[in-house]
Every structure is written in C-alpha cells, then in structure tokens.
Amino acid sequence: MIYTAGFLNVRKVPNPIAISASMPDTVHIPVYELLTPSEKLGNSRLKLSVAEYARIYHKEVLSNLTIEIVSTGICRILGLRSFDNLTLVSWDRDLRVKEAVFSHRHLVSKWLRDKGLDCIEWFGRAC
C-alpha cells in the first residue's frame, strides 16, 4: 500500500518521503523532487480553484512521468526493494488554492490509483 499524508502525521507514517518543495523546519525527510509542483506553479500568486491547479499540475508534472520513473526514483531514495509501504508527504493544504483542504498529494494519489496502484490517505494506521 502507498499512503499520502500531511506533515502533521510524518512521525506516524511508514517510510515518509516529501513531495513538496519545502517542509516544516522540524521535519527532516528525503524529497522526491519529480512530484513537487513546478516552480512556475509554486510561485503563482493567483488564487486558483482545485480544477485549475489540477489542470496545471497534470500538465507540468504528472504528464511527464511514468509509474516506472516514480517507483524507481522513490525506491532508490528510500532504499526500498518495492514500491510499497511508503508515504508521500506534503503540506496539509496549498494556500494558493481556494479550497482549504486541498493538497497536490491528492492529485498524485488519484494518478497512482488510475495507474492501478493502491494509494490512500493515512488515517492513523499502525505501521
């Protein structure tokens, strides 16, 4: 299983890896840069809807990736033998997007599920 979570849960999740360009000062985990929002999107001052953000993120980030690229890169960084029992971590919400509960990790999760992988948000599961 692949999980997603916000930085608030980073100490509770299995094999965390950040998919955001920054993280809280108190968190020190590896970053998988290929899933971070592009610099253009990250620096956007526009108030985007989830649909607008998703369209741009898909175009600039996800459309350039394959499961093989992502799984190989993350497994290499985390020292895992398989793309399983890991957690993609990002901020709990993206302040540039109007809807307060949105995070780009939800787009990554859906992308992984669309590719046939099990990926769900972490809700206090035991490691």
Protein backbone atom coordinates (compact mmCIF):
# COMPACT_ATOMS: atom_id res chain seq x y z
CA MET A 1 0.00 0.00 0.00
CA ILE A 2 1.13 3.53 -0.75
CA TYR A 3 -0.08 6.25 1.59
CA THR A 4 -0.31 10.01 1.44
CA ALA A 5 -0.22 12.28 4.48
CA GLY A 6 0.37 15.80 5.66
CA PHE A 7 3.46 16.84 7.59
CA LEU A 8 1.42 16.78 10.81
CA ASN A 9 1.46 12.96 10.63
CA VAL A 10 5.02 12.48 9.37
CA ARG A 11 6.25 10.80 12.58
CA LYS A 12 3.47 8.18 12.44
CA VAL A 13 3.71 7.00 8.82
CA PRO A 14 5.83 4.29 7.19
CA ASN A 15 8.79 5.38 5.04
CA PRO A 16 7.92 9.07 4.55
CA ILE A 17 9.16 10.99 1.53
CA ALA A 18 8.25 14.62 0.83
CA ILE A 19 6.69 15.60 -2.48
CA SER A 20 6.73 19.32 -1.75
CA ALA A 21 9.50 21.81 -2.42
CA SER A 22 9.65 22.79 1.24
CA MET A 23 8.79 21.31 4.60
CA PRO A 24 8.42 22.48 8.20
CA ASP A 25 11.72 23.28 9.96
CA THR A 26 11.10 20.41 12.39
CA VAL A 27 10.79 17.77 9.64
CA HIS A 28 13.83 16.20 8.02
CA ILE A 29 12.86 13.58 5.42
CA PRO A 30 14.03 12.94 1.86
CA VAL A 31 12.34 14.79 -1.00
CA TYR A 32 11.22 13.29 -4.31
CA GLU A 33 11.55 16.37 -6.49
CA LEU A 34 9.84 15.00 -9.60
CA LEU A 35 6.45 15.13 -7.84
CA THR A 36 6.89 18.62 -6.40
CA PRO A 37 4.82 21.33 -8.06
CA SER A 38 6.78 23.13 -10.73
CA GLU A 39 8.47 26.38 -9.82
CA LYS A 40 6.02 28.26 -12.02
CA LEU A 41 3.04 26.78 -10.21
CA GLY A 42 4.72 27.08 -6.83
CA ASN A 43 5.43 30.77 -7.34
CA SER A 44 1.98 31.55 -8.69
CA ARG A 45 0.25 34.33 -6.81
CA LEU A 46 -3.06 33.51 -8.46
CA LYS A 47 -5.98 32.24 -6.43
CA LEU A 48 -6.63 29.00 -8.27
CA SER A 49 -9.53 26.63 -7.98
CA VAL A 50 -8.76 22.95 -7.45
CA ALA A 51 -9.72 22.29 -11.08
CA GLU A 52 -7.31 24.98 -12.36
CA TYR A 53 -4.50 23.82 -10.09
CA ALA A 54 -5.09 20.19 -11.09
CA ARG A 55 -5.01 21.02 -14.80
CA ILE A 56 -1.70 22.88 -14.45
CA TYR A 57 -0.14 20.25 -12.14
CA HIS A 58 -1.11 17.44 -14.52
CA LYS A 59 0.29 19.31 -17.50
CA GLU A 60 3.54 20.44 -15.86
CA VAL A 61 4.31 17.47 -13.59
CA LEU A 62 2.31 14.26 -13.93
CA SER A 63 2.16 14.17 -17.74
CA ASN A 64 5.96 13.97 -17.81
CA LEU A 65 6.17 10.94 -15.51
CA THR A 66 5.55 7.20 -15.59
CA ILE A 67 5.00 4.78 -12.74
CA GLU A 68 8.38 3.23 -13.55
CA ILE A 69 10.18 6.56 -13.21
CA VAL A 70 8.43 7.41 -9.94
CA SER A 71 8.71 3.98 -8.34
CA THR A 72 12.37 3.54 -9.28
CA GLY A 73 13.30 7.01 -8.02
CA ILE A 74 11.44 6.75 -4.73
CA CYS A 75 12.69 3.23 -4.01
CA ARG A 76 16.26 4.36 -4.69
CA ILE A 77 15.96 7.36 -2.36
CA LEU A 78 14.30 5.38 0.45
CA GLY A 79 16.36 2.21 -0.04
CA LEU A 80 13.25 0.07 -0.64
CA ARG A 81 13.08 -3.08 -2.73
CA SER A 82 9.48 -2.48 -3.82
CA PHE A 83 7.18 0.48 -4.34
CA ASP A 84 5.10 -0.37 -1.27
CA ASN A 85 4.64 0.59 2.39
CA LEU A 86 5.71 4.20 1.89
CA THR A 87 4.10 7.59 2.40
CA LEU A 88 4.11 10.59 0.09
CA VAL A 89 4.09 13.64 2.36
CA SER A 90 3.18 17.26 1.65
CA TRP A 91 1.72 20.30 3.32
CA ASP A 92 -1.76 19.80 4.70
CA ARG A 93 -3.13 22.37 2.30
CA ASP A 94 -1.93 24.58 -0.51
CA LEU A 95 -2.59 28.18 0.42
CA ARG A 96 -2.61 29.23 -3.25
CA VAL A 97 -5.75 27.17 -3.85
CA LYS A 98 -9.17 28.45 -2.78
CA GLU A 99 -10.44 25.20 -1.24
CA ALA A 100 -8.75 24.93 2.17
CA VAL A 101 -8.41 21.13 2.37
CA PHE A 102 -6.70 20.66 -0.99
CA SER A 103 -3.15 19.38 -1.39
CA HIS A 104 -1.43 18.26 -4.59
CA ARG A 105 -0.81 14.89 -2.92
CA HIS A 106 -4.50 14.15 -3.63
CA LEU A 107 -3.75 14.56 -7.35
CA VAL A 108 -0.75 12.23 -7.03
CA SER A 109 -2.86 9.68 -5.16
CA LYS A 110 -5.54 9.70 -7.87
CA TRP A 111 -2.86 9.43 -10.58
CA LEU A 112 -1.38 6.37 -8.85
CA ARG A 113 -4.84 4.78 -8.45
CA ASP A 114 -5.61 5.47 -12.12
CA LYS A 115 -2.40 3.57 -12.92
CA GLY A 116 -3.64 0.57 -10.91
CA LEU A 117 -1.79 1.09 -7.62
CA ASP A 118 -3.34 1.15 -4.16
CA CYS A 119 -2.88 4.61 -2.67
CA ILE A 120 -4.90 6.09 0.18
CA GLU A 121 -4.65 8.92 2.70
CA TRP A 122 -3.13 7.90 6.04
CA PHE A 123 -5.67 7.93 8.86
CA GLY A 124 -3.77 6.69 11.92
CA ARG A 125 -2.95 3.20 10.70
CA ALA A 126 -0.33 1.26 12.61
CA CYS A 127 2.96 0.76 10.76
